Amino acid sequence: MSKEKVIIQKLATKYNLPLQKVEEIVYYQFKYVVNVMKKGDFATIRLPYFGAFSAKSERIAHLNEKTRRKNERLANNKQ
């Protein structure tokens, strides 16, 4: 069993919560970071006591261009 699963199991036991609920709580902050980063309109995301996350502007530009091309293809296929 992985370390994270062991920690989640211990938390679930300690607080008398279902494993699924504890997993949701533990992973929520990372889902939030992913959602904010996908939008691409941010400077840095800071999670207290954990760290700061950011993406290079070149990477954001690349992803935006890729999304634009995909949307154009979808629009052309609908016509």
C-alpha atoms as a PDB file:
ATOM      1  CA  MET A   1       0.000   0.000   0.000  1.00  0.00           C
ATOM      2  CA  SER A   2       1.352   3.440  -0.912  1.00  0.00           C
ATOM      3  CA  LYS A   3       2.292   6.003   1.723  1.00  0.00           C
ATOM      4  CA  GLU A   4      -0.564   8.294   0.739  1.00  0.00           C
ATOM      5  CA  LYS A   5      -3.106   5.472   1.121  1.00  0.00           C
ATOM      6  CA  VAL A   6      -1.711   4.662   4.564  1.00  0.00           C
ATOM      7  CA  ILE A   7      -2.034   8.305   5.616  1.00  0.00           C
ATOM      8  CA  ILE A   8      -5.582   8.488   4.263  1.00  0.00           C
ATOM      9  CA  GLN A   9      -6.469   5.276   6.114  1.00  0.00           C
ATOM     10  CA  LYS A  10      -5.057   6.681   9.376  1.00  0.00           C
ATOM     11  CA  LEU A  11      -6.982   9.944   8.950  1.00  0.00           C
ATOM     12  CA  ALA A  12     -10.216   8.089   8.191  1.00  0.00           C
ATOM     13  CA  THR A  13      -9.776   5.980  11.306  1.00  0.00           C
ATOM     14  CA  LYS A  14      -8.776   8.908  13.514  1.00  0.00           C
ATOM     15  CA  TYR A  15     -11.734  11.089  12.486  1.00  0.00           C
ATOM     16  CA  ASN A  16     -14.198   8.232  11.942  1.00  0.00           C
ATOM     17  CA  LEU A  17     -14.858   9.221   8.302  1.00  0.00           C
ATOM     18  CA  PRO A  18     -15.329   7.102   5.169  1.00  0.00           C
ATOM     19  CA  LEU A  19     -12.187   6.580   3.083  1.00  0.00           C
ATOM     20  CA  GLN A  20     -13.799   8.195   0.045  1.00  0.00           C
ATOM     21  CA  LYS A  21     -14.595  11.384   1.966  1.00  0.00           C
ATOM     22  CA  VAL A  22     -11.037  11.641   3.322  1.00  0.00           C
ATOM     23  CA  GLU A  23      -9.621  11.107  -0.190  1.00  0.00           C
ATOM     24  CA  GLU A  24     -11.841  13.905  -1.522  1.00  0.00           C
ATOM     25  CA  ILE A  25     -10.594  16.216   1.217  1.00  0.00           C
ATOM     26  CA  VAL A  26      -6.930  15.352   0.664  1.00  0.00           C
ATOM     27  CA  TYR A  27      -7.022  15.649  -3.129  1.00  0.00           C
ATOM     28  CA  TYR A  28      -9.320  18.688  -3.368  1.00  0.00           C
ATOM     29  CA  GLN A  29      -6.504  21.226  -3.162  1.00  0.00           C
ATOM     30  CA  PHE A  30      -4.726  19.608  -6.101  1.00  0.00           C
ATOM     31  CA  LYS A  31      -7.906  19.523  -8.199  1.00  0.00           C
ATOM     32  CA  TYR A  32      -8.299  23.229  -7.469  1.00  0.00           C
ATOM     33  CA  VAL A  33      -4.745  23.953  -8.653  1.00  0.00           C
ATOM     34  CA  VAL A  34      -5.329  21.968 -11.853  1.00  0.00           C
ATOM     35  CA  ASN A  35      -8.570  23.835 -12.597  1.00  0.00           C
ATOM     36  CA  VAL A  36      -6.966  27.240 -12.068  1.00  0.00           C
ATOM     37  CA  MET A  37      -3.932  26.325 -14.163  1.00  0.00           C
ATOM     38  CA  LYS A  38      -6.127  25.052 -17.008  1.00  0.00           C
ATOM     39  CA  LYS A  39      -7.744  28.482 -17.270  1.00  0.00           C
ATOM     40  CA  GLY A  40      -4.316  29.992 -17.914  1.00  0.00           C
ATOM     41  CA  ASP A  41      -5.098  33.447 -16.500  1.00  0.00           C
ATOM     42  CA  PHE A  42      -3.060  33.354 -13.316  1.00  0.00           C
ATOM     43  CA  ALA A  43       0.327  34.377 -12.040  1.00  0.00           C
ATOM     44  CA  THR A  44       0.941  31.953  -9.175  1.00  0.00           C
ATOM     45  CA  ILE A  45      -1.211  29.728  -6.994  1.00  0.00           C
ATOM     46  CA  ARG A  46      -0.068  29.493  -3.393  1.00  0.00           C
ATOM     47  CA  LEU A  47      -1.219  26.724  -1.093  1.00  0.00           C
ATOM     48  CA  PRO A  48      -0.474  27.692   2.521  1.00  0.00           C
ATOM     49  CA  TYR A  49       2.180  25.477   4.155  1.00  0.00           C
ATOM     50  CA  PHE A  50       2.647  23.571   0.892  1.00  0.00           C
ATOM     51  CA  GLY A  51       4.101  25.785  -1.796  1.00  0.00           C
ATOM     52  CA  ALA A  52       3.491  27.879  -4.871  1.00  0.00           C
ATOM     53  CA  PHE A  53       2.595  26.590  -8.319  1.00  0.00           C
ATOM     54  CA  SER A  54       2.976  28.417 -11.597  1.00  0.00           C
ATOM     55  CA  ALA A  55       3.316  27.762 -15.307  1.00  0.00           C
ATOM     56  CA  LYS A  56       5.738  29.349 -17.731  1.00  0.00           C
ATOM     57  CA  SER A  57       4.149  31.978 -19.955  1.00  0.00           C
ATOM     58  CA  GLU A  58       5.444  30.097 -23.023  1.00  0.00           C
ATOM     59  CA  ARG A  59       3.623  26.960 -21.895  1.00  0.00           C
ATOM     60  CA  ILE A  60       0.388  28.869 -21.342  1.00  0.00           C
ATOM     61  CA  ALA A  61       0.688  30.442 -24.796  1.00  0.00           C
ATOM     62  CA  HIS A  62       1.286  27.014 -26.332  1.00  0.00           C
ATOM     63  CA  LEU A  63      -1.771  25.533 -24.615  1.00  0.00           C
ATOM     64  CA  ASN A  64      -3.929  28.500 -25.603  1.00  0.00           C
ATOM     65  CA  GLU A  65      -2.854  28.122 -29.243  1.00  0.00           C
ATOM     66  CA  LYS A  66      -3.562  24.400 -29.143  1.00  0.00           C
ATOM     67  CA  THR A  67      -7.039  25.050 -27.707  1.00  0.00           C
ATOM     68  CA  ARG A  68      -7.735  27.709 -30.339  1.00  0.00           C
ATOM     69  CA  ARG A  69      -6.816  25.314 -33.164  1.00  0.00           C
ATOM     70  CA  LYS A  70      -8.966  22.566 -31.673  1.00  0.00           C
ATOM     71  CA  ASN A  71     -11.946  24.918 -31.423  1.00  0.00           C
ATOM     72  CA  GLU A  72     -11.444  25.982 -35.044  1.00  0.00           C
ATOM     73  CA  ARG A  73     -11.403  22.341 -36.196  1.00  0.00           C
ATOM     74  CA  LEU A  74     -14.578  21.611 -34.259  1.00  0.00           C
ATOM     75  CA  ALA A  75     -16.280  24.686 -35.724  1.00  0.00           C
ATOM     76  CA  ASN A  76     -15.234  23.674 -39.261  1.00  0.00           C
ATOM     77  CA  ASN A  77     -16.511  20.117 -38.763  1.00  0.00           C
ATOM     78  CA  LYS A  78     -19.941  21.403 -37.706  1.00  0.00           C
ATOM     79  CA  GLN A  79     -20.323  23.384 -40.926  1.00  0.00           C
END
